[in-house]
Amino acid sequence: MGLLPFSNLLVRHLVFGFEHLSIYQSFLAWLTFRPGLEALLIIGKFVDDVANAKTWREREVDPKAYWQEFSGGALESKSLPRSADFRQVLTHLNDEFMHPNPAFTYRDTTVKTNAAGHLIEIQFFDVSADLHEAHLLAYLNLMDNIVTASDSLVAALCGPTGVAASARTDEPKERNRAVQLAKDATAKKVMQELGLWTL
């Protein structure tokens, strides 16, 4: 089976995440996509050294060896272009979307006070169109970077394929919109940390 199950994980979670984006649930999109991104990084580790596959498979037998090879900076690989950037995105996803820290806990909650007292609103969907668009542009840019890096990885293993290409049809327009959205500090952080935009 080799690398195929991991590439399937990447594609599956990419699609599941995009489904959440299509219904204005950007926070669930990143949470859903996270295993796919980790699968991509694992592919890079396996290509670096086939012995890493055995370490991964036997992680319950020897958890210390597993953590030494597959956690933190060790998850970066030489074989996968931009591996360090992708691992940094994974770190941001863990910090922002996996753990109930204060930002995570209060993100969807708004408290309003009126004459009758306090009203707590809980939102399950993005309420800011601009922030949602920043998440969408971040997601698309990250996917484009993943396609490019994956194509380079496959070309290094098998020779040039000429199959993978950017799906973008109007990148200057996307960049202009990203620059506009980046005037908001939160949107800029999303696009840079999660989408690897250079703004």
C-alpha atoms as a PDB file:
ATOM      1  CA  MET A   1       0.000   0.000   0.000  1.00  0.00           C
ATOM      2  CA  GLY A   2       2.901   2.371   0.659  1.00  0.00           C
ATOM      3  CA  LEU A   3       2.036   6.066   0.537  1.00  0.00           C
ATOM      4  CA  LEU A   4      -1.421   5.659  -1.002  1.00  0.00           C
ATOM      5  CA  PRO A   5      -3.424   5.525   2.266  1.00  0.00           C
ATOM      6  CA  PHE A   6      -1.803   8.792   3.377  1.00  0.00           C
ATOM      7  CA  SER A   7      -2.481  10.548   0.084  1.00  0.00           C
ATOM      8  CA  ASN A   8      -6.089   9.331   0.335  1.00  0.00           C
ATOM      9  CA  LEU A   9      -6.293  10.811   3.854  1.00  0.00           C
ATOM     10  CA  LEU A  10      -4.969  14.101   2.541  1.00  0.00           C
ATOM     11  CA  VAL A  11      -7.520  14.272  -0.280  1.00  0.00           C
ATOM     12  CA  ARG A  12     -10.434  13.062   1.846  1.00  0.00           C
ATOM     13  CA  HIS A  13      -9.850  15.579   4.630  1.00  0.00           C
ATOM     14  CA  LEU A  14      -9.202  18.365   2.140  1.00  0.00           C
ATOM     15  CA  VAL A  15     -12.653  17.739   0.614  1.00  0.00           C
ATOM     16  CA  PHE A  16     -14.360  17.386   4.013  1.00  0.00           C
ATOM     17  CA  GLY A  17     -12.805  20.654   5.146  1.00  0.00           C
ATOM     18  CA  PHE A  18     -13.943  22.428   1.997  1.00  0.00           C
ATOM     19  CA  GLU A  19     -17.499  21.198   2.608  1.00  0.00           C
ATOM     20  CA  HIS A  20     -17.447  23.056   5.949  1.00  0.00           C
ATOM     21  CA  LEU A  21     -16.130  26.183   4.235  1.00  0.00           C
ATOM     22  CA  SER A  22     -18.991  26.042   1.749  1.00  0.00           C
ATOM     23  CA  ILE A  23     -21.479  26.423   4.622  1.00  0.00           C
ATOM     24  CA  TYR A  24     -19.605  29.164   6.499  1.00  0.00           C
ATOM     25  CA  GLN A  25     -18.007  26.901   9.120  1.00  0.00           C
ATOM     26  CA  SER A  26     -14.360  27.868   8.686  1.00  0.00           C
ATOM     27  CA  PHE A  27     -13.342  26.746  12.165  1.00  0.00           C
ATOM     28  CA  LEU A  28     -14.675  23.242  11.525  1.00  0.00           C
ATOM     29  CA  ALA A  29     -12.967  23.264   8.110  1.00  0.00           C
ATOM     30  CA  TRP A  30      -9.520  23.573   9.703  1.00  0.00           C
ATOM     31  CA  LEU A  31     -10.319  21.039  12.397  1.00  0.00           C
ATOM     32  CA  THR A  32     -11.493  18.586   9.738  1.00  0.00           C
ATOM     33  CA  PHE A  33      -8.522  19.188   7.453  1.00  0.00           C
ATOM     34  CA  ARG A  34      -5.866  18.751  10.178  1.00  0.00           C
ATOM     35  CA  PRO A  35      -5.419  14.924   9.809  1.00  0.00           C
ATOM     36  CA  GLY A  36      -4.856  15.384   6.073  1.00  0.00           C
ATOM     37  CA  LEU A  37      -2.064  17.862   6.679  1.00  0.00           C
ATOM     38  CA  GLU A  38      -0.435  15.509   9.176  1.00  0.00           C
ATOM     39  CA  ALA A  39      -0.715  12.679   6.638  1.00  0.00           C
ATOM     40  CA  LEU A  40       1.185  14.839   4.136  1.00  0.00           C
ATOM     41  CA  LEU A  41       3.986  15.390   6.644  1.00  0.00           C
ATOM     42  CA  ILE A  42       4.105  11.659   7.400  1.00  0.00           C
ATOM     43  CA  ILE A  43       4.529  10.958   3.680  1.00  0.00           C
ATOM     44  CA  GLY A  44       7.615  13.182   3.717  1.00  0.00           C
ATOM     45  CA  LYS A  45       9.049  11.278   6.692  1.00  0.00           C
ATOM     46  CA  PHE A  46       8.482   7.923   4.969  1.00  0.00           C
ATOM     47  CA  VAL A  47      10.196   9.148   1.801  1.00  0.00           C
ATOM     48  CA  ASP A  48      13.132  10.443   3.878  1.00  0.00           C
ATOM     49  CA  ASP A  49      13.709   7.013   5.401  1.00  0.00           C
ATOM     50  CA  VAL A  50      11.612   3.885   4.922  1.00  0.00           C
ATOM     51  CA  ALA A  51      12.528   2.863   8.506  1.00  0.00           C
ATOM     52  CA  ASN A  52      10.238   5.687   9.666  1.00  0.00           C
ATOM     53  CA  ALA A  53       7.275   3.657   8.391  1.00  0.00           C
ATOM     54  CA  LYS A  54       8.150   0.893  10.863  1.00  0.00           C
ATOM     55  CA  THR A  55       8.507   3.443  13.674  1.00  0.00           C
ATOM     56  CA  TRP A  56       5.103   4.882  12.790  1.00  0.00           C
ATOM     57  CA  ARG A  57       3.462   1.440  12.563  1.00  0.00           C
ATOM     58  CA  GLU A  58       4.922   0.355  15.926  1.00  0.00           C
ATOM     59  CA  ARG A  59       4.117   3.588  17.779  1.00  0.00           C
ATOM     60  CA  GLU A  60       2.235   1.711  20.511  1.00  0.00           C
ATOM     61  CA  VAL A  61       5.113  -0.733  21.011  1.00  0.00           C
ATOM     62  CA  ASP A  62       7.768   1.978  21.240  1.00  0.00           C
ATOM     63  CA  PRO A  63       6.055   5.349  21.810  1.00  0.00           C
ATOM     64  CA  LYS A  64       9.344   7.072  22.647  1.00  0.00           C
ATOM     65  CA  ALA A  65      10.825   6.277  19.222  1.00  0.00           C
ATOM     66  CA  TYR A  66       7.587   7.410  17.599  1.00  0.00           C
ATOM     67  CA  TRP A  67       7.575  10.765  19.424  1.00  0.00           C
ATOM     68  CA  GLN A  68      11.221  11.335  18.565  1.00  0.00           C
ATOM     69  CA  GLU A  69      10.503  10.985  14.832  1.00  0.00           C
ATOM     70  CA  PHE A  70       6.959  12.316  14.498  1.00  0.00           C
ATOM     71  CA  SER A  71       6.514  15.241  16.879  1.00  0.00           C
ATOM     72  CA  GLY A  72       7.526  18.869  16.839  1.00  0.00           C
ATOM     73  CA  GLY A  73      10.325  19.833  14.487  1.00  0.00           C
ATOM     74  CA  ALA A  74      11.159  16.162  13.913  1.00  0.00           C
ATOM     75  CA  LEU A  75       8.016  15.884  11.767  1.00  0.00           C
ATOM     76  CA  GLU A  76       9.709  18.053   9.139  1.00  0.00           C
ATOM     77  CA  SER A  77      11.272  16.144   6.279  1.00  0.00           C
ATOM     78  CA  LYS A  78      13.959  16.741   3.685  1.00  0.00           C
ATOM     79  CA  SER A  79      11.912  15.160   0.898  1.00  0.00           C
ATOM     80  CA  LEU A  80       8.774  17.296   1.080  1.00  0.00           C
ATOM     81  CA  PRO A  81       9.278  20.881  -0.128  1.00  0.00           C
ATOM     82  CA  ARG A  82       8.032  23.470   2.379  1.00  0.00           C
ATOM     83  CA  SER A  83       7.795  20.794   5.043  1.00  0.00           C
ATOM     84  CA  ALA A  84       8.774  23.281   7.773  1.00  0.00           C
ATOM     85  CA  ASP A  85       6.017  25.658   6.639  1.00  0.00           C
ATOM     86  CA  PHE A  86       3.419  22.885   6.601  1.00  0.00           C
ATOM     87  CA  ARG A  87       4.493  21.731  10.056  1.00  0.00           C
ATOM     88  CA  GLN A  88       4.127  25.286  11.309  1.00  0.00           C
ATOM     89  CA  VAL A  89       0.579  25.393   9.914  1.00  0.00           C
ATOM     90  CA  LEU A  90      -0.090  22.115  11.751  1.00  0.00           C
ATOM     91  CA  THR A  91       1.151  23.750  14.965  1.00  0.00           C
ATOM     92  CA  HIS A  92      -1.224  26.685  14.423  1.00  0.00           C
ATOM     93  CA  LEU A  93      -4.104  24.290  13.766  1.00  0.00           C
ATOM     94  CA  ASN A  94      -3.328  22.444  16.992  1.00  0.00           C
ATOM     95  CA  ASP A  95      -3.134  25.685  18.968  1.00  0.00           C
ATOM     96  CA  GLU A  96      -6.115  27.455  17.430  1.00  0.00           C
ATOM     97  CA  PHE A  97      -8.583  24.690  16.573  1.00  0.00           C
ATOM     98  CA  MET A  98      -7.834  21.616  18.702  1.00  0.00           C
ATOM     99  CA  HIS A  99      -7.420  22.770  22.292  1.00  0.00           C
ATOM    100  CA  PRO A 100      -9.974  24.656  24.412  1.00  0.00           C
ATOM    101  CA  ASN A 101      -7.749  27.628  25.134  1.00  0.00           C
ATOM    102  CA  PRO A 102      -9.440  31.006  25.856  1.00  0.00           C
ATOM    103  CA  ALA A 103      -9.546  32.088  22.191  1.00  0.00           C
ATOM    104  CA  PHE A 104     -11.039  28.731  21.182  1.00  0.00           C
ATOM    105  CA  THR A 105     -13.516  28.725  24.073  1.00  0.00           C
ATOM    106  CA  TYR A 106     -14.917  32.220  23.541  1.00  0.00           C
ATOM    107  CA  ARG A 107     -14.584  32.410  19.749  1.00  0.00           C
ATOM    108  CA  ASP A 108     -18.229  31.613  19.016  1.00  0.00           C
ATOM    109  CA  THR A 109     -19.742  33.317  22.061  1.00  0.00           C
ATOM    110  CA  THR A 110     -20.963  36.896  22.304  1.00  0.00           C
ATOM    111  CA  VAL A 111     -22.363  38.470  25.456  1.00  0.00           C
ATOM    112  CA  LYS A 112     -24.734  41.415  25.034  1.00  0.00           C
ATOM    113  CA  THR A 113     -26.232  43.466  27.819  1.00  0.00           C
ATOM    114  CA  ASN A 114     -29.592  45.165  27.563  1.00  0.00           C
ATOM    115  CA  ALA A 115     -32.259  46.457  29.978  1.00  0.00           C
ATOM    116  CA  ALA A 116     -33.444  42.886  30.639  1.00  0.00           C
ATOM    117  CA  GLY A 117     -29.988  41.647  31.575  1.00  0.00           C
ATOM    118  CA  HIS A 118     -27.326  39.623  29.792  1.00  0.00           C
ATOM    119  CA  LEU A 119     -27.856  37.748  26.576  1.00  0.00           C
ATOM    120  CA  ILE A 120     -25.368  35.088  25.496  1.00  0.00           C
ATOM    121  CA  GLU A 121     -25.282  34.325  21.787  1.00  0.00           C
ATOM    122  CA  ILE A 122     -23.557  31.221  20.479  1.00  0.00           C
ATOM    123  CA  GLN A 123     -22.800  31.116  16.757  1.00  0.00           C
ATOM    124  CA  PHE A 124     -22.150  27.917  14.861  1.00  0.00           C
ATOM    125  CA  PHE A 125     -21.387  29.675  11.580  1.00  0.00           C
ATOM    126  CA  ASP A 126     -19.051  32.470  10.518  1.00  0.00           C
ATOM    127  CA  VAL A 127     -20.789  35.798  11.049  1.00  0.00           C
ATOM    128  CA  SER A 128     -18.192  38.035   9.383  1.00  0.00           C
ATOM    129  CA  ALA A 129     -18.165  37.689   5.603  1.00  0.00           C
ATOM    130  CA  ASP A 130     -14.673  39.218   5.355  1.00  0.00           C
ATOM    131  CA  LEU A 131     -13.187  36.892   7.962  1.00  0.00           C
ATOM    132  CA  HIS A 132     -14.835  33.918   6.284  1.00  0.00           C
ATOM    133  CA  GLU A 133     -13.341  35.014   2.969  1.00  0.00           C
ATOM    134  CA  ALA A 134      -9.913  35.266   4.625  1.00  0.00           C
ATOM    135  CA  HIS A 135     -10.287  31.645   5.785  1.00  0.00           C
ATOM    136  CA  LEU A 136     -11.372  30.616   2.287  1.00  0.00           C
ATOM    137  CA  LEU A 137      -8.385  32.339   0.650  1.00  0.00           C
ATOM    138  CA  ALA A 138      -6.070  30.833   3.272  1.00  0.00           C
ATOM    139  CA  TYR A 139      -7.462  27.354   2.612  1.00  0.00           C
ATOM    140  CA  LEU A 140      -7.142  27.683  -1.171  1.00  0.00           C
ATOM    141  CA  ASN A 141      -3.609  29.075  -0.990  1.00  0.00           C
ATOM    142  CA  LEU A 142      -2.518  26.296   1.367  1.00  0.00           C
ATOM    143  CA  MET A 143      -3.996  23.694  -1.001  1.00  0.00           C
ATOM    144  CA  ASP A 144      -2.143  25.248  -3.928  1.00  0.00           C
ATOM    145  CA  ASN A 145       1.119  25.065  -1.975  1.00  0.00           C
ATOM    146  CA  ILE A 146       0.398  21.443  -1.061  1.00  0.00           C
ATOM    147  CA  VAL A 147      -0.251  20.511  -4.712  1.00  0.00           C
ATOM    148  CA  THR A 148       3.020  22.148  -5.782  1.00  0.00           C
ATOM    149  CA  ALA A 149       5.037  20.475  -2.993  1.00  0.00           C
ATOM    150  CA  SER A 150       3.405  17.089  -3.623  1.00  0.00           C
ATOM    151  CA  ASP A 151       4.139  17.322  -7.332  1.00  0.00           C
ATOM    152  CA  SER A 152       7.816  17.999  -6.547  1.00  0.00           C
ATOM    153  CA  LEU A 153       7.899  15.047  -4.152  1.00  0.00           C
ATOM    154  CA  VAL A 154       6.374  12.684  -6.728  1.00  0.00           C
ATOM    155  CA  ALA A 155       8.698  14.003  -9.454  1.00  0.00           C
ATOM    156  CA  ALA A 156      11.715  13.327  -7.215  1.00  0.00           C
ATOM    157  CA  LEU A 157      10.505   9.751  -6.647  1.00  0.00           C
ATOM    158  CA  CYS A 158       9.178   8.854 -10.095  1.00  0.00           C
ATOM    159  CA  GLY A 159      10.334  11.499 -12.524  1.00  0.00           C
ATOM    160  CA  PRO A 160       8.319  14.414 -13.889  1.00  0.00           C
ATOM    161  CA  THR A 161       4.632  13.638 -14.289  1.00  0.00           C
ATOM    162  CA  GLY A 162       3.333  16.860 -15.789  1.00  0.00           C
ATOM    163  CA  VAL A 163      -0.033  16.093 -14.201  1.00  0.00           C
ATOM    164  CA  ALA A 164      -0.299  18.398 -11.188  1.00  0.00           C
ATOM    165  CA  ALA A 165      -0.927  22.054 -11.814  1.00  0.00           C
ATOM    166  CA  SER A 166      -2.324  24.998  -9.965  1.00  0.00           C
ATOM    167  CA  ALA A 167      -6.094  25.182 -10.112  1.00  0.00           C
ATOM    168  CA  ARG A 168      -5.955  28.950  -9.912  1.00  0.00           C
ATOM    169  CA  THR A 169      -7.425  30.877 -12.781  1.00  0.00           C
ATOM    170  CA  ASP A 170      -7.055  34.425 -11.473  1.00  0.00           C
ATOM    171  CA  GLU A 171      -4.257  34.609  -8.913  1.00  0.00           C
ATOM    172  CA  PRO A 172      -3.689  38.411  -9.211  1.00  0.00           C
ATOM    173  CA  LYS A 173      -7.353  38.995  -8.329  1.00  0.00           C
ATOM    174  CA  GLU A 174      -7.044  36.655  -5.314  1.00  0.00           C
ATOM    175  CA  ARG A 175      -3.875  38.438  -4.196  1.00  0.00           C
ATOM    176  CA  ASN A 176      -5.522  41.845  -4.485  1.00  0.00           C
ATOM    177  CA  ARG A 177      -8.456  40.638  -2.394  1.00  0.00           C
ATOM    178  CA  ALA A 178      -6.098  39.076   0.173  1.00  0.00           C
ATOM    179  CA  VAL A 179      -4.239  42.372   0.481  1.00  0.00           C
ATOM    180  CA  GLN A 180      -7.546  44.191   1.051  1.00  0.00           C
ATOM    181  CA  LEU A 181      -8.668  41.674   3.683  1.00  0.00           C
ATOM    182  CA  ALA A 182      -5.261  41.828   5.391  1.00  0.00           C
ATOM    183  CA  LYS A 183      -6.075  45.367   6.579  1.00  0.00           C
ATOM    184  CA  ASP A 184      -7.902  43.531   9.356  1.00  0.00           C
ATOM    185  CA  ALA A 185      -5.300  42.052  11.749  1.00  0.00           C
ATOM    186  CA  THR A 186      -7.293  38.873  12.405  1.00  0.00           C
ATOM    187  CA  ALA A 187      -7.818  38.186   8.698  1.00  0.00           C
ATOM    188  CA  LYS A 188      -4.138  38.830   7.997  1.00  0.00           C
ATOM    189  CA  LYS A 189      -3.095  36.398  10.745  1.00  0.00           C
ATOM    190  CA  VAL A 190      -5.392  33.704   9.321  1.00  0.00           C
ATOM    191  CA  MET A 191      -4.068  34.109   5.789  1.00  0.00           C
ATOM    192  CA  GLN A 192      -0.397  34.195   6.810  1.00  0.00           C
ATOM    193  CA  GLU A 193      -0.371  31.510   9.512  1.00  0.00           C
ATOM    194  CA  LEU A 194      -2.784  29.041   7.958  1.00  0.00           C
ATOM    195  CA  GLY A 195      -2.676  29.871   4.253  1.00  0.00           C
ATOM    196  CA  LEU A 196       1.028  30.696   3.912  1.00  0.00           C
ATOM    197  CA  TRP A 197       0.221  33.964   2.147  1.00  0.00           C
ATOM    198  CA  THR A 198       3.085  36.443   1.955  1.00  0.00           C
ATOM    199  CA  LEU A 199       1.405  39.781   2.537  1.00  0.00           C
END
